[in-house]
Each structure stands twice: as structure tokens, then as C-alpha cells.
Amino acid sequence: MATAVQGECSAESFKWPTRDAMEENLRAARRVVTTARHTAEDLAADTVSKVRSHPLRSVGAAMMAGAFVGSAVGLFAGWFMRPRRRRWGW
């Protein structure tokens, strides 16, 4: 048998958000997006400089990554798309 127990809840936790709180959250979200954009730009610039300094190594790494991903996708696609044997022959 279950028993319901009513806990004490204050009305403060159920208040509508204030305009100041919403503006603060909006500023924080914009700050996060700006930081992510700057990080992506830094990563792209760093990648360009590394590819320019070591072009053969970069092309080789890209080919190996493509071969690995392509093989894994082909293996899993073949595994999941194979015809299933029917155990009971219905």
C-alpha cells in the first residue's frame, strides 16, 4: 500500500521568471555561442597552418581516416542488412 506524504513547498520556487533573470540567461547563452564560435575559428586556423606545414602527412591521415570510417560503415551496413535465417520456417 502506498502512502502519499505532502511535503512543504514554498511558493518561491514556482515564481515566474523575471525580466532580469531572462536577460541574464540570454547574455550567458550569447557568451557561450561567441566562445564556441571563436574556438571553432581558432581550430580552423590551426588546422590550416598544420596542413600547410605538413601536406603529405595531412593527406595521408585524411585517407586513413576515410578508409577506416568507410570500412566501418560498410561492415555495419552489411551486418545489419544481411538476410536473416528463419529459425522456425513460418
PDB file of N, CA and C in Angstrom:
ATOM      1  N   MET A   1       0.841  -1.157   0.000  1.00  0.00           N
ATOM      2  CA  MET A   1       0.000   0.000   0.000  1.00  0.00           C
ATOM      3  C   MET A   1       0.896   1.231   0.000  1.00  0.00           C
ATOM      4  N   ALA A   2       0.588   2.145  -0.878  1.00  0.00           N
ATOM      5  CA  ALA A   2       1.384   3.363  -0.994  1.00  0.00           C
ATOM      6  C   ALA A   2       0.783   4.453  -0.127  1.00  0.00           C
ATOM      7  N   THR A   3       1.658   5.266   0.409  1.00  0.00           N
ATOM      8  CA  THR A   3       1.218   6.365   1.248  1.00  0.00           C
ATOM      9  C   THR A   3       1.680   7.670   0.626  1.00  0.00           C
ATOM     10  N   ALA A   4       0.786   8.595   0.507  1.00  0.00           N
ATOM     11  CA  ALA A   4       1.139   9.908  -0.033  1.00  0.00           C
ATOM     12  C   ALA A   4       1.469  10.836   1.115  1.00  0.00           C
ATOM     13  N   VAL A   5       2.608  11.470   0.999  1.00  0.00           N
ATOM     14  CA  VAL A   5       3.038  12.410   2.015  1.00  0.00           C
ATOM     15  C   VAL A   5       3.180  13.767   1.346  1.00  0.00           C
ATOM     16  N   GLN A   6       2.537  14.743   1.904  1.00  0.00           N
ATOM     17  CA  GLN A   6       2.613  16.083   1.334  1.00  0.00           C
ATOM     18  C   GLN A   6       3.782  16.810   1.967  1.00  0.00           C
ATOM     19  N   GLY A   7       4.718  17.200   1.116  1.00  0.00           N
ATOM     20  CA  GLY A   7       5.885  17.929   1.602  1.00  0.00           C
ATOM     21  C   GLY A   7       5.610  19.418   1.621  1.00  0.00           C
ATOM     22  N   GLU A   8       6.444  20.118   2.321  1.00  0.00           N
ATOM     23  CA  GLU A   8       6.276  21.559   2.378  1.00  0.00           C
ATOM     24  C   GLU A   8       6.972  22.186   1.182  1.00  0.00           C
ATOM     25  N   CYS A   9       6.227  22.901   0.377  1.00  0.00           N
ATOM     26  CA  CYS A   9       6.767  23.600  -0.790  1.00  0.00           C
ATOM     27  C   CYS A   9       6.533  25.081  -0.608  1.00  0.00           C
ATOM     28  N   SER A  10       7.565  25.814  -0.883  1.00  0.00           N
ATOM     29  CA  SER A  10       7.386  27.261  -0.806  1.00  0.00           C
ATOM     30  C   SER A  10       6.931  27.763  -2.166  1.00  0.00           C
ATOM     31  N   ALA A  11       6.229  28.847  -2.153  1.00  0.00           N
ATOM     32  CA  ALA A  11       5.747  29.434  -3.404  1.00  0.00           C
ATOM     33  C   ALA A  11       6.879  30.110  -4.159  1.00  0.00           C
ATOM     34  N   GLU A  12       8.040  30.287  -3.529  1.00  0.00           N
ATOM     35  CA  GLU A  12       9.167  30.950  -4.174  1.00  0.00           C
ATOM     36  C   GLU A  12       9.720  30.145  -5.339  1.00  0.00           C
ATOM     37  N   SER A  13       9.654  28.813  -5.266  1.00  0.00           N
ATOM     38  CA  SER A  13      10.212  28.006  -6.343  1.00  0.00           C
ATOM     39  C   SER A  13       9.304  27.966  -7.560  1.00  0.00           C
ATOM     40  N   PHE A  14       8.075  28.436  -7.452  1.00  0.00           N
ATOM     41  CA  PHE A  14       7.136  28.406  -8.559  1.00  0.00           C
ATOM     42  C   PHE A  14       6.857  29.783  -9.146  1.00  0.00           C
ATOM     43  N   LYS A  15       7.704  30.746  -8.880  1.00  0.00           N
ATOM     44  CA  LYS A  15       7.514  32.087  -9.398  1.00  0.00           C
ATOM     45  C   LYS A  15       7.823  32.128 -10.893  1.00  0.00           C
ATOM     46  N   TRP A  16       7.201  33.069 -11.571  1.00  0.00           N
ATOM     47  CA  TRP A  16       7.508  33.299 -12.968  1.00  0.00           C
ATOM     48  C   TRP A  16       8.881  33.944 -13.059  1.00  0.00           C
ATOM     49  N   PRO A  17       9.629  33.656 -14.145  1.00  0.00           N
ATOM     50  CA  PRO A  17      10.955  34.281 -14.256  1.00  0.00           C
ATOM     51  C   PRO A  17      10.825  35.791 -14.461  1.00  0.00           C
ATOM     52  N   THR A  18      11.714  36.487 -13.865  1.00  0.00           N
ATOM     53  CA  THR A  18      11.697  37.946 -14.003  1.00  0.00           C
ATOM     54  C   THR A  18      12.448  38.341 -15.270  1.00  0.00           C
ATOM     55  N   ARG A  19      12.249  39.575 -15.672  1.00  0.00           N
ATOM     56  CA  ARG A  19      12.905  40.063 -16.878  1.00  0.00           C
ATOM     57  C   ARG A  19      14.423  40.089 -16.686  1.00  0.00           C
ATOM     58  N   ASP A  20      14.879  40.441 -15.490  1.00  0.00           N
ATOM     59  CA  ASP A  20      16.321  40.483 -15.223  1.00  0.00           C
ATOM     60  C   ASP A  20      16.940  39.094 -15.351  1.00  0.00           C
ATOM     61  N   ALA A  21      16.255  38.090 -14.827  1.00  0.00           N
ATOM     62  CA  ALA A  21      16.775  36.728 -14.913  1.00  0.00           C
ATOM     63  C   ALA A  21      16.820  36.243 -16.366  1.00  0.00           C
ATOM     64  N   MET A  22      15.804  36.596 -17.125  1.00  0.00           N
ATOM     65  CA  MET A  22      15.783  36.192 -18.536  1.00  0.00           C
ATOM     66  C   MET A  22      16.886  36.884 -19.323  1.00  0.00           C
ATOM     67  N   GLU A  23      17.116  38.170 -19.059  1.00  0.00           N
ATOM     68  CA  GLU A  23      18.189  38.881 -19.741  1.00  0.00           C
ATOM     69  C   GLU A  23      19.553  38.325 -19.361  1.00  0.00           C
ATOM     70  N   GLU A  24      19.706  37.945 -18.099  1.00  0.00           N
ATOM     71  CA  GLU A  24      20.973  37.359 -17.651  1.00  0.00           C
ATOM     72  C   GLU A  24      21.222  36.024 -18.346  1.00  0.00           C
ATOM     73  N   ASN A  25      20.188  35.201 -18.458  1.00  0.00           N
ATOM     74  CA  ASN A  25      20.336  33.920 -19.149  1.00  0.00           C
ATOM     75  C   ASN A  25      20.615  34.117 -20.633  1.00  0.00           C
ATOM     76  N   LEU A  26      20.005  35.109 -21.239  1.00  0.00           N
ATOM     77  CA  LEU A  26      20.253  35.411 -22.643  1.00  0.00           C
ATOM     78  C   LEU A  26      21.690  35.867 -22.853  1.00  0.00           C
ATOM     79  N   ARG A  27      22.185  36.703 -21.967  1.00  0.00           N
ATOM     80  CA  ARG A  27      23.585  37.132 -22.060  1.00  0.00           C
ATOM     81  C   ARG A  27      24.533  35.950 -21.910  1.00  0.00           C
ATOM     82  N   ALA A  28      24.221  35.058 -20.984  1.00  0.00           N
ATOM     83  CA  ALA A  28      25.079  33.877 -20.791  1.00  0.00           C
ATOM     84  C   ALA A  28      25.058  32.986 -22.035  1.00  0.00           C
ATOM     85  N   ALA A  29      23.895  32.819 -22.648  1.00  0.00           N
ATOM     86  CA  ALA A  29      23.804  31.996 -23.856  1.00  0.00           C
ATOM     87  C   ALA A  29      24.586  32.631 -25.000  1.00  0.00           C
ATOM     88  N   ARG A  30      24.474  33.951 -25.147  1.00  0.00           N
ATOM     89  CA  ARG A  30      25.241  34.637 -26.194  1.00  0.00           C
ATOM     90  C   ARG A  30      26.735  34.509 -25.955  1.00  0.00           C
ATOM     91  N   ARG A  31      27.144  34.584 -24.696  1.00  0.00           N
ATOM     92  CA  ARG A  31      28.554  34.441 -24.355  1.00  0.00           C
ATOM     93  C   ARG A  31      29.058  33.044 -24.724  1.00  0.00           C
ATOM     94  N   VAL A  32      28.253  32.017 -24.462  1.00  0.00           N
ATOM     95  CA  VAL A  32      28.651  30.648 -24.794  1.00  0.00           C
ATOM     96  C   VAL A  32      28.766  30.474 -26.306  1.00  0.00           C
ATOM     97  N   VAL A  33      27.805  31.015 -27.056  1.00  0.00           N
ATOM     98  CA  VAL A  33      27.842  30.905 -28.514  1.00  0.00           C
ATOM     99  C   VAL A  33      29.054  31.636 -29.081  1.00  0.00           C
ATOM    100  N   THR A  34      29.354  32.816 -28.543  1.00  0.00           N
ATOM    101  CA  THR A  34      30.513  33.574 -29.009  1.00  0.00           C
ATOM    102  C   THR A  34      31.801  32.824 -28.713  1.00  0.00           C
ATOM    103  N   THR A  35      31.911  32.241 -27.542  1.00  0.00           N
ATOM    104  CA  THR A  35      33.096  31.464 -27.186  1.00  0.00           C
ATOM    105  C   THR A  35      33.249  30.257 -28.105  1.00  0.00           C
ATOM    106  N   ALA A  36      32.161  29.575 -28.391  1.00  0.00           N
ATOM    107  CA  ALA A  36      32.219  28.420 -29.282  1.00  0.00           C
ATOM    108  C   ALA A  36      32.637  28.838 -30.691  1.00  0.00           C
ATOM    109  N   ARG A  37      32.128  29.974 -31.162  1.00  0.00           N
ATOM    110  CA  ARG A  37      32.488  30.459 -32.493  1.00  0.00           C
ATOM    111  C   ARG A  37      33.975  30.794 -32.561  1.00  0.00           C
ATOM    112  N   HIS A  38      34.498  31.463 -31.530  1.00  0.00           N
ATOM    113  CA  HIS A  38      35.924  31.802 -31.504  1.00  0.00           C
ATOM    114  C   HIS A  38      36.782  30.539 -31.439  1.00  0.00           C
ATOM    115  N   THR A  39      36.340  29.553 -30.682  1.00  0.00           N
ATOM    116  CA  THR A  39      37.082  28.298 -30.590  1.00  0.00           C
ATOM    117  C   THR A  39      37.112  27.588 -31.939  1.00  0.00           C
ATOM    118  N   ALA A  40      35.986  27.571 -32.652  1.00  0.00           N
ATOM    119  CA  ALA A  40      35.936  26.932 -33.969  1.00  0.00           C
ATOM    120  C   ALA A  40      36.835  27.669 -34.958  1.00  0.00           C
ATOM    121  N   GLU A  41      36.846  28.991 -34.905  1.00  0.00           N
ATOM    122  CA  GLU A  41      37.720  29.761 -35.789  1.00  0.00           C
ATOM    123  C   GLU A  41      39.181  29.482 -35.486  1.00  0.00           C
ATOM    124  N   ASP A  42      39.548  29.390 -34.211  1.00  0.00           N
ATOM    125  CA  ASP A  42      40.929  29.078 -33.833  1.00  0.00           C
ATOM    126  C   ASP A  42      41.320  27.684 -34.305  1.00  0.00           C
ATOM    127  N   LEU A  43      40.408  26.730 -34.183  1.00  0.00           N
ATOM    128  CA  LEU A  43      40.675  25.361 -34.629  1.00  0.00           C
ATOM    129  C   LEU A  43      40.883  25.318 -36.139  1.00  0.00           C
ATOM    130  N   ALA A  44      40.053  26.047 -36.887  1.00  0.00           N
ATOM    131  CA  ALA A  44      40.194  26.083 -38.340  1.00  0.00           C
ATOM    132  C   ALA A  44      41.525  26.719 -38.739  1.00  0.00           C
ATOM    133  N   ALA A  45      41.898  27.798 -38.090  1.00  0.00           N
ATOM    134  CA  ALA A  45      43.166  28.457 -38.410  1.00  0.00           C
ATOM    135  C   ALA A  45      44.351  27.552 -38.076  1.00  0.00           C
ATOM    136  N   ASP A  46      44.279  26.866 -36.967  1.00  0.00           N
ATOM    137  CA  ASP A  46      45.342  25.944 -36.575  1.00  0.00           C
ATOM    138  C   ASP A  46      45.443  24.780 -37.555  1.00  0.00           C
ATOM    139  N   THR A  47      44.291  24.288 -38.006  1.00  0.00           N
ATOM    140  CA  THR A  47      44.288  23.188 -38.972  1.00  0.00           C
ATOM    141  C   THR A  47      44.902  23.621 -40.289  1.00  0.00           C
ATOM    142  N   VAL A  48      44.574  24.818 -40.747  1.00  0.00           N
ATOM    143  CA  VAL A  48      45.141  25.323 -41.999  1.00  0.00           C
ATOM    144  C   VAL A  48      46.657  25.435 -41.887  1.00  0.00           C
ATOM    145  N   SER A  49      47.149  25.943 -40.783  1.00  0.00           N
ATOM    146  CA  SER A  49      48.604  26.092 -40.639  1.00  0.00           C
ATOM    147  C   SER A  49      49.303  24.732 -40.572  1.00  0.00           C
ATOM    148  N   LYS A  50      48.669  23.742 -39.934  1.00  0.00           N
ATOM    149  CA  LYS A  50      49.294  22.417 -39.876  1.00  0.00           C
ATOM    150  C   LYS A  50      49.271  21.725 -41.230  1.00  0.00           C
ATOM    151  N   VAL A  51      48.189  21.894 -41.997  1.00  0.00           N
ATOM    152  CA  VAL A  51      48.123  21.286 -43.327  1.00  0.00           C
ATOM    153  C   VAL A  51      49.146  21.932 -44.250  1.00  0.00           C
ATOM    154  N   ARG A  52      49.328  23.228 -44.141  1.00  0.00           N
ATOM    155  CA  ARG A  52      50.321  23.902 -44.989  1.00  0.00           C
ATOM    156  C   ARG A  52      51.742  23.494 -44.634  1.00  0.00           C
ATOM    157  N   SER A  53      52.001  23.209 -43.365  1.00  0.00           N
ATOM    158  CA  SER A  53      53.363  22.850 -42.978  1.00  0.00           C
ATOM    159  C   SER A  53      53.668  21.374 -43.239  1.00  0.00           C
ATOM    160  N   HIS A  54      52.668  20.503 -43.214  1.00  0.00           N
ATOM    161  CA  HIS A  54      52.866  19.072 -43.462  1.00  0.00           C
ATOM    162  C   HIS A  54      51.776  18.543 -44.396  1.00  0.00           C
ATOM    163  N   PRO A  55      51.846  18.849 -45.682  1.00  0.00           N
ATOM    164  CA  PRO A  55      50.748  18.472 -46.578  1.00  0.00           C
ATOM    165  C   PRO A  55      50.622  16.966 -46.791  1.00  0.00           C
ATOM    166  N   LEU A  56      51.715  16.254 -46.959  1.00  0.00           N
ATOM    167  CA  LEU A  56      51.631  14.811 -47.221  1.00  0.00           C
ATOM    168  C   LEU A  56      51.109  14.056 -46.004  1.00  0.00           C
ATOM    169  N   ARG A  57      51.553  14.443 -44.840  1.00  0.00           N
ATOM    170  CA  ARG A  57      51.081  13.803 -43.618  1.00  0.00           C
ATOM    171  C   ARG A  57      49.578  14.050 -43.433  1.00  0.00           C
ATOM    172  N   SER A  58      49.133  15.243 -43.756  1.00  0.00           N
ATOM    173  CA  SER A  58      47.712  15.569 -43.616  1.00  0.00           C
ATOM    174  C   SER A  58      46.858  14.771 -44.596  1.00  0.00           C
ATOM    175  N   VAL A  59      47.309  14.672 -45.848  1.00  0.00           N
ATOM    176  CA  VAL A  59      46.560  13.898 -46.842  1.00  0.00           C
ATOM    177  C   VAL A  59      46.550  12.423 -46.454  1.00  0.00           C
ATOM    178  N   GLY A  60      47.661  11.913 -45.983  1.00  0.00           N
ATOM    179  CA  GLY A  60      47.724  10.514 -45.553  1.00  0.00           C
ATOM    180  C   GLY A  60      46.805  10.240 -44.372  1.00  0.00           C
ATOM    181  N   ALA A  61      46.775  11.148 -43.427  1.00  0.00           N
ATOM    182  CA  ALA A  61      45.886  10.973 -42.273  1.00  0.00           C
ATOM    183  C   ALA A  61      44.423  11.025 -42.695  1.00  0.00           C
ATOM    184  N   ALA A  62      44.101  11.925 -43.631  1.00  0.00           N
ATOM    185  CA  ALA A  62      42.723  12.008 -44.122  1.00  0.00           C
ATOM    186  C   ALA A  62      42.336  10.740 -44.872  1.00  0.00           C
ATOM    187  N   MET A  63      43.251  10.194 -45.657  1.00  0.00           N
ATOM    188  CA  MET A  63      42.962   8.949 -46.387  1.00  0.00           C
ATOM    189  C   MET A  63      42.755   7.776 -45.421  1.00  0.00           C
ATOM    190  N   MET A  64      43.579   7.696 -44.410  1.00  0.00           N
ATOM    191  CA  MET A  64      43.442   6.602 -43.443  1.00  0.00           C
ATOM    192  C   MET A  64      42.140   6.735 -42.660  1.00  0.00           C
ATOM    193  N   ALA A  65      41.793   7.938 -42.259  1.00  0.00           N
ATOM    194  CA  ALA A  65      40.535   8.144 -41.532  1.00  0.00           C
ATOM    195  C   ALA A  65      39.348   7.809 -42.422  1.00  0.00           C
ATOM    196  N   GLY A  66      39.397   8.225 -43.699  1.00  0.00           N
ATOM    197  CA  GLY A  66      38.316   7.899 -44.630  1.00  0.00           C
ATOM    198  C   GLY A  66      38.196   6.408 -44.870  1.00  0.00           C
ATOM    199  N   ALA A  67      39.323   5.722 -45.004  1.00  0.00           N
ATOM    200  CA  ALA A  67      39.293   4.269 -45.208  1.00  0.00           C
ATOM    201  C   ALA A  67      38.717   3.567 -43.983  1.00  0.00           C
ATOM    202  N   PHE A  68      39.099   4.013 -42.806  1.00  0.00           N
ATOM    203  CA  PHE A  68      38.594   3.393 -41.584  1.00  0.00           C
ATOM    204  C   PHE A  68      37.091   3.610 -41.430  1.00  0.00           C
ATOM    205  N   VAL A  69      36.650   4.844 -41.606  1.00  0.00           N
ATOM    206  CA  VAL A  69      35.224   5.146 -41.456  1.00  0.00           C
ATOM    207  C   VAL A  69      34.415   4.432 -42.531  1.00  0.00           C
ATOM    208  N   GLY A  70      34.899   4.434 -43.769  1.00  0.00           N
ATOM    209  CA  GLY A  70      34.202   3.744 -44.846  1.00  0.00           C
ATOM    210  C   GLY A  70      34.109   2.256 -44.607  1.00  0.00           C
ATOM    211  N   SER A  71      35.184   1.651 -44.124  1.00  0.00           N
ATOM    212  CA  SER A  71      35.158   0.218 -43.818  1.00  0.00           C
ATOM    213  C   SER A  71      34.190  -0.092 -42.692  1.00  0.00           C
ATOM    214  N   ALA A  72      34.195   0.741 -41.660  1.00  0.00           N
ATOM    215  CA  ALA A  72      33.288   0.510 -40.528  1.00  0.00           C
ATOM    216  C   ALA A  72      31.833   0.656 -40.958  1.00  0.00           C
ATOM    217  N   VAL A  73      31.528   1.671 -41.774  1.00  0.00           N
ATOM    218  CA  VAL A  73      30.153   1.850 -42.251  1.00  0.00           C
ATOM    219  C   VAL A  73      29.741   0.677 -43.130  1.00  0.00           C
ATOM    220  N   GLY A  74      30.622   0.248 -44.017  1.00  0.00           N
ATOM    221  CA  GLY A  74      30.321  -0.900 -44.876  1.00  0.00           C
ATOM    222  C   GLY A  74      30.120  -2.179 -44.079  1.00  0.00           C
ATOM    223  N   LEU A  75      30.949  -2.395 -43.075  1.00  0.00           N
ATOM    224  CA  LEU A  75      30.816  -3.589 -42.241  1.00  0.00           C
ATOM    225  C   LEU A  75      29.486  -3.596 -41.500  1.00  0.00           C
ATOM    226  N   PHE A  76      29.148  -2.492 -40.869  1.00  0.00           N
ATOM    227  CA  PHE A  76      27.893  -2.436 -40.120  1.00  0.00           C
ATOM    228  C   PHE A  76      26.676  -2.479 -41.036  1.00  0.00           C
ATOM    229  N   ALA A  77      26.761  -1.841 -42.195  1.00  0.00           N
ATOM    230  CA  ALA A  77      25.636  -1.891 -43.136  1.00  0.00           C
ATOM    231  C   ALA A  77      25.439  -3.320 -43.629  1.00  0.00           C
ATOM    232  N   GLY A  78      26.535  -4.002 -43.953  1.00  0.00           N
ATOM    233  CA  GLY A  78      26.427  -5.394 -44.385  1.00  0.00           C
ATOM    234  C   GLY A  78      25.913  -6.294 -43.276  1.00  0.00           C
ATOM    235  N   TRP A  79      26.331  -6.023 -42.059  1.00  0.00           N
ATOM    236  CA  TRP A  79      25.900  -6.851 -40.931  1.00  0.00           C
ATOM    237  C   TRP A  79      24.401  -6.702 -40.672  1.00  0.00           C
ATOM    238  N   PHE A  80      23.912  -5.477 -40.694  1.00  0.00           N
ATOM    239  CA  PHE A  80      22.508  -5.248 -40.372  1.00  0.00           C
ATOM    240  C   PHE A  80      21.574  -5.484 -41.552  1.00  0.00           C
ATOM    241  N   MET A  81      22.076  -5.462 -42.776  1.00  0.00           N
ATOM    242  CA  MET A  81      21.228  -5.650 -43.942  1.00  0.00           C
ATOM    243  C   MET A  81      21.246  -7.094 -44.456  1.00  0.00           C
ATOM    244  N   ARG A  82      22.001  -7.965 -43.821  1.00  0.00           N
ATOM    245  CA  ARG A  82      22.079  -9.337 -44.312  1.00  0.00           C
ATOM    246  C   ARG A  82      20.740 -10.042 -44.098  1.00  0.00           C
ATOM    247  N   PRO A  83      20.429 -11.022 -44.945  1.00  0.00           N
ATOM    248  CA  PRO A  83      19.168 -11.750 -44.751  1.00  0.00           C
ATOM    249  C   PRO A  83      19.250 -12.617 -43.497  1.00  0.00           C
ATOM    250  N   ARG A  84      18.209 -12.612 -42.748  1.00  0.00           N
ATOM    251  CA  ARG A  84      18.156 -13.381 -41.503  1.00  0.00           C
ATOM    252  C   ARG A  84      17.662 -14.793 -41.791  1.00  0.00           C
ATOM    253  N   ARG A  85      18.239 -15.753 -41.122  1.00  0.00           N
ATOM    254  CA  ARG A  85      17.724 -17.126 -41.226  1.00  0.00           C
ATOM    255  C   ARG A  85      16.505 -17.242 -40.342  1.00  0.00           C
ATOM    256  N   ARG A  86      15.532 -17.902 -40.857  1.00  0.00           N
ATOM    257  CA  ARG A  86      14.337 -18.127 -40.052  1.00  0.00           C
ATOM    258  C   ARG A  86      14.527 -19.386 -39.234  1.00  0.00           C
ATOM    259  N   ARG A  87      14.292 -19.250 -37.973  1.00  0.00           N
ATOM    260  CA  ARG A  87      14.511 -20.366 -37.074  1.00  0.00           C
ATOM    261  C   ARG A  87      13.406 -21.410 -37.191  1.00  0.00           C
ATOM    262  N   TRP A  88      12.167 -20.971 -37.333  1.00  0.00           N
ATOM    263  CA  TRP A  88      11.040 -21.894 -37.340  1.00  0.00           C
ATOM    264  C   TRP A  88      10.420 -22.088 -38.713  1.00  0.00           C
ATOM    265  N   GLY A  89      10.809 -21.342 -39.697  1.00  0.00           N
ATOM    266  CA  GLY A  89      10.318 -21.508 -41.046  1.00  0.00           C
ATOM    267  C   GLY A  89       8.840 -21.207 -41.229  1.00  0.00           C
ATOM    268  N   TRP A  90       8.309 -20.246 -40.551  1.00  0.00           N
ATOM    269  CA  TRP A  90       6.892 -19.896 -40.679  1.00  0.00           C
ATOM    270  C   TRP A  90       6.638 -19.164 -41.943  1.00  0.00           C
TER     271      TRP A  90
END
